[in-house]
Amino acid sequence: MSCRQVVAVVLVVLLAGVFSGTPARAKKGEETNYTLGYGDVIDVLVWKEADFTVEGITVRLDGKITLPLVNDIRAEGQTTRQLKAHLEIVLRKYIESPVVTVLLKEARSQRFYILGEVMQTGEYSLTKELTVLQAFAIAGGFTEWAKKKDIFVLRRKETGEAVIPVNYLDIISGKDLKGNIVIRADDTIVVP
């Protein structure tokens, strides 16, 4: 194969990836910012050490997980990389050079809630970055009695609850695109 043919093949492969409709990869560091929380399910894999490998561990309400010999380890509030580093230190008591992989199997701790005049009220998983308009779509849209100008989001902050007004009609008309806020874990959307 000539150099030109190799370059042509590489270009075709790269362009196919660009135009395939495949979602863009997460920005650098975005994947590692996810902090583990109550209810998340993880796998702890210890290379060549089946006795220390545990799959399907749920982070308990106290924020901990239990591993053989190690007992309880705090997982809540840590990224998978932080937990991996901590476990490698702890496992050095039992293994000379442990190599640990921590995989997030199910993200159950990241939830948001929709109440009021939507078709399907309830608790929903926050598995990707989601805007308030997308949350309405997940909830099946509005009932005929919904007051679309008076929607608000309750958001927990360190200083207390924040109330963020959302005017659906202004967002969809293009008057207030900034009002299409990104939903965060534990947000409650209220549609009067």
Protein backbone atom coordinates (compact mmCIF):
# COMPACT_ATOMS: atom_id res chain seq x y z
CA MET A 1 0.00 0.00 0.00
CA SER A 2 1.42 3.37 -0.98
CA CYS A 3 1.72 6.34 1.35
CA ARG A 4 -1.12 8.11 -0.46
CA GLN A 5 -3.39 5.10 -0.06
CA VAL A 6 -2.64 4.91 3.67
CA VAL A 7 -3.39 8.63 4.07
CA ALA A 8 -6.62 8.21 2.09
CA VAL A 9 -7.74 5.29 4.29
CA VAL A 10 -6.96 7.22 7.47
CA LEU A 11 -8.92 10.24 6.20
CA VAL A 12 -11.91 8.07 5.30
CA VAL A 13 -11.89 6.48 8.76
CA LEU A 14 -11.61 9.85 10.50
CA LEU A 15 -14.34 11.45 8.39
CA ALA A 16 -16.60 8.45 8.90
CA GLY A 17 -16.32 8.98 12.65
CA VAL A 18 -17.06 12.69 12.32
CA PHE A 19 -20.15 12.24 10.15
CA SER A 20 -21.46 9.00 11.61
CA GLY A 21 -23.76 10.71 14.08
CA THR A 22 -21.81 9.20 16.95
CA PRO A 23 -22.08 11.46 19.99
CA ALA A 24 -19.01 13.50 20.76
CA ARG A 25 -16.76 12.13 23.48
CA ALA A 26 -16.87 13.78 26.84
CA LYS A 27 -14.48 16.65 27.37
CA LYS A 28 -11.24 15.84 29.12
CA GLY A 29 -11.88 15.46 32.84
CA GLU A 30 -15.66 15.35 32.46
CA GLU A 31 -15.88 11.59 33.01
CA THR A 32 -13.74 11.75 36.13
CA ASN A 33 -15.81 14.46 37.81
CA TYR A 34 -18.65 12.09 38.65
CA THR A 35 -18.62 11.56 42.38
CA LEU A 36 -20.02 8.38 43.79
CA GLY A 37 -23.11 8.61 45.94
CA TYR A 38 -25.61 6.50 47.84
CA GLY A 39 -27.10 3.76 45.70
CA ASP A 40 -24.46 3.78 42.96
CA VAL A 41 -23.36 0.32 41.89
CA ILE A 42 -19.65 -0.26 41.21
CA ASP A 43 -17.27 -3.07 40.33
CA VAL A 44 -13.91 -3.28 42.11
CA LEU A 45 -11.55 -5.36 40.01
CA VAL A 46 -8.12 -6.29 41.38
CA TRP A 47 -5.84 -7.58 38.65
CA LYS A 48 -4.83 -11.23 39.16
CA GLU A 49 -6.51 -11.28 42.58
CA ALA A 50 -9.93 -12.90 42.27
CA ASP A 51 -10.36 -13.01 46.06
CA PHE A 52 -10.33 -9.20 46.24
CA THR A 53 -12.43 -8.61 43.12
CA VAL A 54 -16.06 -7.80 43.86
CA GLU A 55 -18.68 -6.92 41.27
CA GLY A 56 -22.00 -5.19 41.79
CA ILE A 57 -21.25 -3.43 45.09
CA THR A 58 -23.86 -0.85 46.10
CA VAL A 59 -22.73 2.27 47.94
CA ARG A 60 -24.69 2.07 51.19
CA LEU A 61 -26.58 4.90 52.93
CA ASP A 62 -23.58 5.45 55.19
CA GLY A 63 -21.51 6.10 52.03
CA LYS A 64 -19.37 3.00 52.41
CA ILE A 65 -18.74 -0.27 50.59
CA THR A 66 -17.45 -3.53 52.07
CA LEU A 67 -14.57 -5.51 50.57
CA PRO A 68 -13.01 -8.81 51.68
CA LEU A 69 -10.38 -8.32 54.45
CA VAL A 70 -10.49 -4.56 53.97
CA ASN A 71 -13.98 -4.25 55.46
CA ASP A 72 -15.68 -0.83 55.17
CA ILE A 73 -14.25 1.84 52.87
CA ARG A 74 -15.81 5.27 52.22
CA ALA A 75 -16.84 5.55 48.55
CA GLU A 76 -19.40 8.37 48.72
CA GLY A 77 -18.00 11.71 47.60
CA GLN A 78 -15.07 10.17 45.72
CA THR A 79 -14.51 9.75 42.00
CA THR A 80 -13.72 6.26 40.72
CA ARG A 81 -10.07 7.32 40.30
CA GLN A 82 -9.84 8.55 43.89
CA LEU A 83 -11.38 5.33 45.19
CA LYS A 84 -8.99 3.29 43.00
CA ALA A 85 -5.96 5.13 44.44
CA HIS A 86 -7.21 4.68 48.01
CA LEU A 87 -7.88 0.96 47.52
CA GLU A 88 -4.42 0.42 46.03
CA ILE A 89 -2.89 1.90 49.18
CA VAL A 90 -5.10 -0.16 51.51
CA LEU A 91 -4.54 -3.41 49.60
CA ARG A 92 -0.74 -3.11 49.88
CA LYS A 93 -1.11 -4.82 53.28
CA TYR A 94 -2.19 -7.98 51.45
CA ILE A 95 -0.82 -7.69 47.89
CA GLU A 96 2.66 -6.53 46.86
CA SER A 97 1.67 -4.19 43.99
CA PRO A 98 -2.12 -4.13 43.65
CA VAL A 99 -3.63 -2.86 40.42
CA VAL A 100 -7.23 -1.83 41.02
CA THR A 101 -9.91 -0.77 38.57
CA VAL A 102 -13.14 0.80 39.84
CA LEU A 103 -15.98 0.85 37.34
CA LEU A 104 -19.26 2.69 37.73
CA LYS A 105 -21.80 0.08 36.73
CA GLU A 106 -25.06 1.93 37.55
CA ALA A 107 -25.37 5.61 38.41
CA ARG A 108 -28.31 5.50 40.79
CA SER A 109 -27.41 8.39 43.09
CA GLN A 110 -27.90 11.09 40.49
CA ARG A 111 -31.67 11.71 40.37
CA PHE A 112 -34.05 14.57 39.77
CA TYR A 113 -37.77 14.93 40.41
CA ILE A 114 -40.73 16.38 38.51
CA LEU A 115 -43.96 17.23 40.32
CA GLY A 116 -47.23 18.82 39.30
CA GLU A 117 -48.95 19.16 35.95
CA VAL A 118 -46.86 16.81 33.81
CA MET A 119 -47.99 13.52 32.37
CA GLN A 120 -45.61 11.38 34.46
CA THR A 121 -44.51 12.85 37.77
CA GLY A 122 -41.79 11.10 39.69
CA GLU A 123 -38.12 10.40 40.15
CA TYR A 124 -35.83 10.15 37.13
CA SER A 125 -32.20 9.13 36.65
CA LEU A 126 -29.76 11.83 35.68
CA THR A 127 -27.49 9.78 33.45
CA LYS A 128 -26.29 12.61 31.20
CA GLU A 129 -26.32 16.39 31.07
CA LEU A 130 -30.00 17.25 30.82
CA THR A 131 -31.81 20.56 30.34
CA VAL A 132 -35.17 21.49 31.81
CA LEU A 133 -36.83 21.14 28.37
CA GLN A 134 -35.45 17.63 28.03
CA ALA A 135 -36.76 16.84 31.52
CA PHE A 136 -40.26 17.87 30.40
CA ALA A 137 -39.95 15.53 27.44
CA ILE A 138 -38.92 12.66 29.71
CA ALA A 139 -41.97 13.35 31.87
CA GLY A 140 -44.22 13.04 28.82
CA GLY A 141 -45.02 16.74 28.49
CA PHE A 142 -47.60 18.87 30.27
CA THR A 143 -51.20 18.28 31.21
CA GLU A 144 -53.76 20.72 29.83
CA TRP A 145 -53.84 22.62 33.17
CA ALA A 146 -50.11 23.32 33.42
CA LYS A 147 -49.14 26.93 34.09
CA LYS A 148 -46.16 26.99 31.75
CA LYS A 149 -45.07 30.50 32.77
CA ASP A 150 -44.91 29.72 36.50
CA ILE A 151 -42.64 26.65 36.57
CA PHE A 152 -39.77 26.63 39.05
CA VAL A 153 -36.84 24.44 40.03
CA LEU A 154 -35.97 23.83 43.68
CA ARG A 155 -32.22 23.37 44.01
CA ARG A 156 -30.36 22.49 47.19
CA LYS A 157 -27.36 24.66 47.94
CA GLU A 158 -25.07 24.87 50.93
CA THR A 159 -26.87 28.06 51.95
CA GLY A 160 -30.33 26.47 51.68
CA GLU A 161 -32.94 25.98 48.96
CA ALA A 162 -32.79 28.12 45.82
CA VAL A 163 -35.88 28.73 43.70
CA ILE A 164 -35.11 29.11 40.00
CA PRO A 165 -38.02 30.38 37.88
CA VAL A 166 -38.55 28.71 34.49
CA ASN A 167 -40.85 30.20 31.83
CA TYR A 168 -41.42 27.42 29.31
CA LEU A 169 -43.20 29.72 26.85
CA ASP A 170 -40.28 32.17 26.78
CA ILE A 171 -37.80 29.35 26.24
CA ILE A 172 -39.59 27.75 23.30
CA SER A 173 -40.32 31.13 21.69
CA GLY A 174 -36.60 31.98 21.85
CA LYS A 175 -37.05 34.97 24.20
CA ASP A 176 -35.13 33.34 27.07
CA LEU A 177 -32.90 30.50 25.91
CA LYS A 178 -30.79 30.91 29.06
CA GLY A 179 -33.86 29.80 31.00
CA ASN A 180 -33.32 26.29 29.63
CA ILE A 181 -31.09 25.49 32.59
CA VAL A 182 -29.11 22.30 33.12
CA ILE A 183 -30.65 20.00 35.71
CA ARG A 184 -28.48 18.95 38.64
CA ALA A 185 -28.75 15.97 40.95
CA ASP A 186 -31.55 16.34 43.52
CA ASP A 187 -33.28 19.18 41.61
CA THR A 188 -37.06 19.20 41.93
CA ILE A 189 -39.01 20.70 39.02
CA VAL A 190 -42.45 21.94 40.01
CA VAL A 191 -45.07 22.57 37.32
CA PRO A 192 -48.10 24.27 38.91
